[in-house]
Amino acid sequence: MNTTPLDTAPGTPLAAPALSEVPARLGRFVLRMFRPQIYVTYGVLWTLALEGGAERLAAPAGHWTPSWATAVRAASVVLALLFVRMADEQKDLEYDRRHHPDRPLVTGAITVAELRGAMALITVLVAALNLLVSASSVLLILLALGYTLFLAALERRFPRLVDNQVAGLLVSYPVQLLLSVYLCVSLVTGGAVHADGRLVALLAVFACVFLQFEFARKTEWRPDPQARLYSQVFGPRGSAAISLGLAAGAVLLAPALLGRSGLWPAAALLFPVLGAWRFLLRRRPSGLALPAMGFVLFFNLLCFYGSTAIAIGR
């Protein structure tokens, strides 16, 4: 991770902040760069949807309700996402100094040392939480955090990875995949479900859900050599089509795996369809990102609701 001293950035205070100020500074960082209404909602719904889907695969006629272990897994996912956000803030420091001079790390609103201290605390906390579930849960969540650090070192060693969108995606996406694997392995080792090849297909569903958003948020009409956009690789129409195709893939796979409970998420396809209409036909400059976010949230919500609704209905 970047170790460049922050006192070279405009607006960075020369004196180190008092220790008593650190919690408030971290709190302001979280509220700005890790908006709880979005990231916490996403992490919790992702956990509930994947766990509900895995339970539905294991026992189609069973009755599933979240447990205390579900709460541990949801908290771990949210904390892991915050860990990744903090690591990315440091990794992108030089880029942000040129293109986003108002970022907290650039302005000195937070320091590298404070972020690293918070990351160490998160590591200890998620390890302690997952000891309540299983040793494998501890190993997998730490592996996800460790890969985040490995990725930062890899991008320093091979800086072209940052400029190549496709190569960058191939090496960065495993962070999300490892979190999904963590959820599945934690369920298996915790005795909630049995290991099954269909869990791999379920992971593919959630990969499609995330990747459609990843493509949508980096697809624009205007070419920008300074921006890291998939539309500069595949063209605006091609990148939009990939995003829509990934959303459709998730919607088609869900009922094939989950039966009736998998039909509920199909309603969420309205969001990327609306986004494609706004972007391709109305030519809105960034018309895909917000609908794609809506798809992620509502797909997960409806997947979770479908699992509980079918169980209650039985």
Protein backbone atom coordinates (compact mmCIF):
# COMPACT_ATOMS: atom_id res chain seq x y z
CA MET A 1 0.00 0.00 0.00
CA ASN A 2 1.04 3.55 -0.57
CA THR A 3 3.36 4.88 2.10
CA THR A 4 3.87 8.35 0.66
CA PRO A 5 3.80 10.93 3.47
CA LEU A 6 0.58 12.84 3.47
CA ASP A 7 2.15 16.16 4.43
CA THR A 8 2.94 16.73 0.75
CA ALA A 9 -0.75 16.95 -0.11
CA PRO A 10 -2.44 20.36 -0.13
CA GLY A 11 -4.39 21.01 3.01
CA THR A 12 -2.79 18.22 5.02
CA PRO A 13 -2.02 19.31 8.60
CA LEU A 14 1.62 19.08 9.64
CA ALA A 15 0.88 18.03 13.21
CA ALA A 16 -0.42 14.55 13.89
CA PRO A 17 -4.00 14.55 15.20
CA ALA A 18 -4.56 13.82 18.87
CA LEU A 19 -5.41 10.21 19.68
CA SER A 20 -8.76 11.30 21.10
CA GLU A 21 -9.69 12.73 17.69
CA VAL A 22 -9.10 9.50 15.79
CA PRO A 23 -12.55 7.87 16.37
CA ALA A 24 -14.31 11.01 15.15
CA ARG A 25 -12.06 11.25 12.10
CA LEU A 26 -12.67 7.59 11.27
CA GLY A 27 -16.40 8.12 11.76
CA ARG A 28 -16.43 11.01 9.29
CA PHE A 29 -14.42 8.91 6.83
CA VAL A 30 -16.92 6.06 7.08
CA LEU A 31 -19.94 8.34 6.64
CA ARG A 32 -18.43 9.87 3.52
CA MET A 33 -16.59 7.02 1.83
CA PHE A 34 -18.56 4.02 3.12
CA ARG A 35 -22.11 5.30 3.28
CA PRO A 36 -23.87 2.92 5.71
CA GLN A 37 -27.25 3.25 4.01
CA ILE A 38 -25.69 1.71 0.90
CA TYR A 39 -22.83 -0.54 1.99
CA VAL A 40 -24.34 -1.91 5.20
CA THR A 41 -27.64 -2.54 3.42
CA TYR A 42 -25.79 -4.27 0.60
CA GLY A 43 -23.66 -6.43 2.90
CA VAL A 44 -26.61 -7.55 5.01
CA LEU A 45 -28.88 -8.28 2.04
CA TRP A 46 -26.07 -10.13 0.23
CA THR A 47 -25.58 -12.35 3.28
CA LEU A 48 -29.30 -13.01 3.76
CA ALA A 49 -29.92 -13.69 0.07
CA LEU A 50 -27.00 -16.08 -0.35
CA GLU A 51 -27.69 -17.88 2.92
CA GLY A 52 -31.39 -18.15 2.12
CA GLY A 53 -30.58 -19.49 -1.34
CA ALA A 54 -28.10 -22.05 0.02
CA GLU A 55 -30.63 -23.22 2.61
CA ARG A 56 -33.28 -23.52 -0.09
CA LEU A 57 -30.93 -25.69 -2.16
CA ALA A 58 -30.24 -27.94 0.83
CA ALA A 59 -33.84 -28.29 2.03
CA PRO A 60 -36.46 -27.14 -0.51
CA ALA A 61 -39.28 -28.11 1.86
CA GLY A 62 -37.60 -26.84 5.00
CA HIS A 63 -38.24 -23.73 7.07
CA TRP A 64 -35.34 -21.32 7.14
CA THR A 65 -34.89 -18.32 9.41
CA PRO A 66 -31.73 -16.29 10.06
CA SER A 67 -29.75 -17.28 13.15
CA TRP A 68 -27.09 -15.72 15.37
CA ALA A 69 -24.50 -17.17 12.98
CA THR A 70 -26.21 -15.25 10.18
CA ALA A 71 -25.66 -12.05 12.16
CA VAL A 72 -21.96 -12.93 12.55
CA ARG A 73 -21.60 -13.54 8.82
CA ALA A 74 -23.44 -10.33 7.91
CA ALA A 75 -21.30 -8.26 10.29
CA SER A 76 -18.16 -9.92 8.90
CA VAL A 77 -19.11 -9.12 5.30
CA VAL A 78 -19.85 -5.47 6.14
CA LEU A 79 -16.56 -5.12 8.03
CA ALA A 80 -14.68 -6.81 5.17
CA LEU A 81 -16.20 -4.35 2.70
CA LEU A 82 -15.06 -1.49 4.94
CA PHE A 83 -11.57 -3.04 5.08
CA VAL A 84 -11.50 -3.14 1.26
CA ARG A 85 -12.69 0.47 1.06
CA MET A 86 -9.89 1.58 3.40
CA ALA A 87 -7.29 -0.37 1.44
CA ASP A 88 -8.50 1.08 -1.86
CA GLU A 89 -8.29 4.60 -0.46
CA GLN A 90 -4.59 4.10 0.21
CA LYS A 91 -3.92 2.21 -3.02
CA ASP A 92 -5.43 5.01 -5.12
CA LEU A 93 -3.77 7.89 -3.28
CA GLU A 94 -1.56 9.08 -6.15
CA TYR A 95 -4.43 8.85 -8.64
CA ASP A 96 -6.73 10.73 -6.27
CA ARG A 97 -4.18 13.49 -5.77
CA ARG A 98 -4.45 14.23 -9.49
CA HIS A 99 -8.11 13.54 -10.11
CA HIS A 100 -9.95 13.68 -6.75
CA PRO A 101 -8.19 16.29 -4.61
CA ASP A 102 -11.12 16.46 -2.19
CA ARG A 103 -10.74 12.86 -0.97
CA PRO A 104 -10.20 12.50 2.81
CA LEU A 105 -6.76 10.92 2.50
CA VAL A 106 -5.59 13.65 0.12
CA THR A 107 -6.86 16.52 2.24
CA GLY A 108 -5.56 15.06 5.49
CA ALA A 109 -9.02 14.46 6.95
CA ILE A 110 -7.70 10.96 7.65
CA THR A 111 -4.17 9.51 7.62
CA VAL A 112 -2.62 6.30 6.37
CA ALA A 113 -1.71 5.34 9.94
CA GLU A 114 -5.30 5.82 11.12
CA LEU A 115 -6.68 3.72 8.27
CA ARG A 116 -4.17 0.95 8.88
CA GLY A 117 -4.93 0.96 12.58
CA ALA A 118 -8.64 0.59 11.80
CA MET A 119 -7.88 -2.23 9.35
CA ALA A 120 -5.90 -4.08 12.03
CA LEU A 121 -8.81 -3.69 14.43
CA ILE A 122 -11.25 -4.99 11.80
CA THR A 123 -9.02 -8.03 11.25
CA VAL A 124 -9.00 -8.91 14.94
CA LEU A 125 -12.74 -8.31 15.25
CA VAL A 126 -13.82 -10.50 12.32
CA ALA A 127 -11.49 -13.28 13.44
CA ALA A 128 -12.96 -13.19 16.95
CA LEU A 129 -16.52 -13.11 15.65
CA ASN A 130 -16.00 -16.09 13.34
CA LEU A 131 -14.44 -18.20 16.07
CA LEU A 132 -18.03 -18.43 17.30
CA VAL A 133 -19.00 -20.19 14.06
CA SER A 134 -16.09 -22.33 12.85
CA ALA A 135 -12.34 -22.35 12.29
CA SER A 136 -12.92 -22.51 8.54
CA SER A 137 -14.98 -19.32 8.75
CA VAL A 138 -12.02 -17.58 10.40
CA LEU A 139 -9.65 -18.85 7.70
CA LEU A 140 -11.87 -17.78 4.78
CA ILE A 141 -12.67 -14.28 6.05
CA LEU A 142 -8.97 -13.68 6.79
CA LEU A 143 -8.12 -14.99 3.33
CA ALA A 144 -10.44 -12.39 1.80
CA LEU A 145 -8.78 -9.61 3.81
CA GLY A 146 -5.33 -10.96 2.99
CA TYR A 147 -6.10 -11.04 -0.73
CA THR A 148 -7.02 -7.36 -0.53
CA LEU A 149 -3.52 -6.60 0.78
CA PHE A 150 -1.95 -8.91 -1.80
CA LEU A 151 -3.84 -7.08 -4.55
CA ALA A 152 -2.41 -3.74 -3.43
CA ALA A 153 1.12 -5.17 -3.57
CA LEU A 154 0.42 -6.77 -6.96
CA GLU A 155 -0.75 -3.46 -8.44
CA ARG A 156 2.37 -1.74 -7.12
CA ARG A 157 4.53 -4.41 -8.71
CA PHE A 158 2.61 -4.38 -12.01
CA PRO A 159 1.17 -0.85 -12.42
CA ARG A 160 -0.24 -1.66 -15.85
CA LEU A 161 -2.89 -3.76 -14.13
CA VAL A 162 -4.46 -0.50 -12.94
CA ASP A 163 -4.66 0.90 -16.47
CA ASN A 164 -5.98 -2.30 -18.07
CA GLN A 165 -9.64 -2.54 -17.06
CA VAL A 166 -10.12 -6.20 -18.01
CA ALA A 167 -6.90 -7.41 -16.36
CA GLY A 168 -7.68 -5.26 -13.33
CA LEU A 169 -11.12 -6.83 -13.02
CA LEU A 170 -9.70 -10.35 -13.28
CA VAL A 171 -7.35 -9.78 -10.36
CA SER A 172 -9.66 -7.61 -8.22
CA TYR A 173 -12.94 -9.52 -8.50
CA PRO A 174 -11.70 -12.47 -6.38
CA VAL A 175 -12.14 -10.25 -3.31
CA GLN A 176 -15.91 -10.34 -3.82
CA LEU A 177 -15.82 -14.00 -4.82
CA LEU A 178 -13.89 -14.93 -1.68
CA LEU A 179 -16.56 -13.25 0.46
CA SER A 180 -19.27 -15.31 -1.25
CA VAL A 181 -17.15 -18.45 -0.77
CA TYR A 182 -16.70 -17.48 2.88
CA LEU A 183 -20.48 -17.32 3.32
CA CYS A 184 -20.99 -20.73 1.71
CA VAL A 185 -18.12 -22.46 3.55
CA SER A 186 -19.25 -20.93 6.83
CA LEU A 187 -22.72 -22.38 6.25
CA VAL A 188 -21.29 -25.80 5.40
CA THR A 189 -18.83 -26.01 8.31
CA GLY A 190 -21.41 -24.55 10.68
CA GLY A 191 -23.69 -27.47 9.83
CA ALA A 192 -26.41 -25.36 8.20
CA VAL A 193 -26.08 -26.93 4.73
CA HIS A 194 -24.22 -29.78 3.05
CA ALA A 195 -21.51 -29.26 0.44
CA ASP A 196 -23.13 -29.48 -2.97
CA GLY A 197 -22.04 -28.72 -6.52
CA ARG A 198 -25.11 -26.49 -6.84
CA LEU A 199 -23.47 -24.06 -4.42
CA VAL A 200 -20.99 -23.27 -7.21
CA ALA A 201 -23.90 -22.33 -9.48
CA LEU A 202 -25.33 -20.21 -6.68
CA LEU A 203 -22.00 -18.39 -6.46
CA ALA A 204 -22.29 -17.72 -10.21
CA VAL A 205 -25.67 -16.06 -9.65
CA PHE A 206 -24.24 -13.61 -7.14
CA ALA A 207 -21.18 -13.05 -9.33
CA CYS A 208 -23.50 -11.94 -12.14
CA VAL A 209 -25.36 -9.63 -9.77
CA PHE A 210 -22.20 -7.85 -8.68
CA LEU A 211 -20.49 -7.76 -12.07
CA GLN A 212 -23.50 -6.16 -13.79
CA PHE A 213 -23.10 -3.25 -11.38
CA GLU A 214 -19.33 -3.18 -11.88
CA PHE A 215 -19.77 -2.77 -15.65
CA ALA A 216 -22.68 -0.33 -15.33
CA ARG A 217 -20.88 2.09 -13.03
CA LYS A 218 -17.91 2.31 -15.41
CA THR A 219 -19.82 2.75 -18.65
CA GLU A 220 -20.22 6.21 -20.18
CA TRP A 221 -20.77 7.74 -23.58
CA ARG A 222 -17.95 10.28 -23.38
CA PRO A 223 -14.39 9.03 -23.87
CA ASP A 224 -12.10 10.02 -21.02
CA PRO A 225 -8.49 8.84 -21.23
CA GLN A 226 -8.03 9.62 -17.52
CA ALA A 227 -11.01 7.54 -16.40
CA ARG A 228 -10.98 3.78 -15.91
CA LEU A 229 -14.01 2.77 -17.97
CA TYR A 230 -15.09 -0.53 -19.50
CA SER A 231 -16.79 1.47 -22.25
CA GLN A 232 -13.33 2.47 -23.48
CA VAL A 233 -12.57 -1.22 -24.01
CA PHE A 234 -15.90 -2.59 -25.28
CA GLY A 235 -17.53 0.63 -26.45
CA PRO A 236 -20.52 2.22 -24.68
CA ARG A 237 -23.07 -0.09 -26.30
CA GLY A 238 -20.96 -3.19 -25.78
CA SER A 239 -20.28 -2.41 -22.13
CA ALA A 240 -23.98 -1.66 -21.52
CA ALA A 241 -24.94 -4.93 -23.24
CA ILE A 242 -22.53 -6.89 -21.01
CA SER A 243 -24.05 -5.31 -17.91
CA LEU A 244 -27.61 -6.09 -19.03
CA GLY A 245 -26.62 -9.63 -20.04
CA LEU A 246 -25.12 -10.31 -16.60
CA ALA A 247 -28.33 -9.12 -14.92
CA ALA A 248 -30.39 -11.34 -17.22
CA GLY A 249 -28.07 -14.27 -16.46
CA ALA A 250 -28.66 -13.89 -12.72
CA VAL A 251 -32.43 -13.73 -13.21
CA LEU A 252 -32.43 -16.84 -15.43
CA LEU A 253 -30.16 -18.89 -13.16
CA ALA A 254 -32.03 -18.13 -9.93
CA PRO A 255 -35.29 -20.02 -10.67
CA ALA A 256 -33.38 -22.86 -12.31
CA LEU A 257 -31.57 -23.36 -9.00
CA LEU A 258 -34.09 -22.27 -6.40
CA GLY A 259 -37.43 -23.16 -7.95
CA ARG A 260 -40.38 -20.97 -6.98
CA SER A 261 -38.34 -18.90 -4.53
CA GLY A 262 -36.02 -17.97 -7.41
CA LEU A 263 -38.84 -16.39 -9.39
CA TRP A 264 -39.12 -13.40 -7.06
CA PRO A 265 -35.79 -11.78 -8.08
CA ALA A 266 -36.96 -11.63 -11.71
CA ALA A 267 -38.86 -8.45 -10.85
CA ALA A 268 -35.53 -6.72 -10.17
CA LEU A 269 -34.65 -7.00 -13.88
CA LEU A 270 -36.83 -3.93 -14.41
CA PHE A 271 -33.97 -1.78 -13.06
CA PRO A 272 -31.23 -2.70 -15.59
CA VAL A 273 -33.80 -2.69 -18.42
CA LEU A 274 -34.75 0.85 -17.44
CA GLY A 275 -31.07 1.75 -17.20
CA ALA A 276 -30.37 0.34 -20.67
CA TRP A 277 -33.31 2.32 -22.09
CA ARG A 278 -32.07 5.55 -20.49
CA PHE A 279 -28.50 4.96 -21.60
CA LEU A 280 -28.91 3.48 -25.08
CA LEU A 281 -32.06 5.21 -26.32
CA ARG A 282 -32.18 8.42 -24.30
CA ARG A 283 -28.36 8.66 -24.29
CA ARG A 284 -28.15 9.77 -20.68
CA PRO A 285 -24.43 10.26 -19.92
CA SER A 286 -24.32 7.90 -16.92
CA GLY A 287 -27.75 6.32 -17.03
CA LEU A 288 -26.71 2.81 -16.00
CA ALA A 289 -25.18 3.14 -12.54
CA LEU A 290 -28.19 4.01 -10.38
CA PRO A 291 -30.53 1.39 -11.91
CA ALA A 292 -27.72 -1.18 -11.58
CA MET A 293 -27.45 -0.40 -7.88
CA GLY A 294 -31.21 -0.80 -7.60
CA PHE A 295 -30.94 -4.21 -9.25
CA VAL A 296 -28.28 -5.37 -6.76
CA LEU A 297 -30.31 -4.30 -3.73
CA PHE A 298 -33.71 -5.53 -4.94
CA PHE A 299 -32.38 -8.80 -6.36
CA ASN A 300 -30.86 -9.65 -2.99
CA LEU A 301 -33.94 -8.46 -1.10
CA LEU A 302 -36.33 -10.45 -3.31
CA CYS A 303 -34.09 -13.53 -3.21
CA PHE A 304 -34.18 -13.41 0.59
CA TYR A 305 -37.92 -12.72 0.64
CA GLY A 306 -38.59 -15.55 -1.80
CA SER A 307 -36.75 -18.02 0.42
CA THR A 308 -38.65 -16.98 3.55
CA ALA A 309 -42.00 -16.58 1.81
CA ILE A 310 -41.91 -20.08 0.28
CA ALA A 311 -40.83 -21.56 3.60
CA ILE A 312 -43.68 -19.82 5.47
CA GLY A 313 -46.12 -20.77 2.74
CA ARG A 314 -45.30 -24.42 3.20
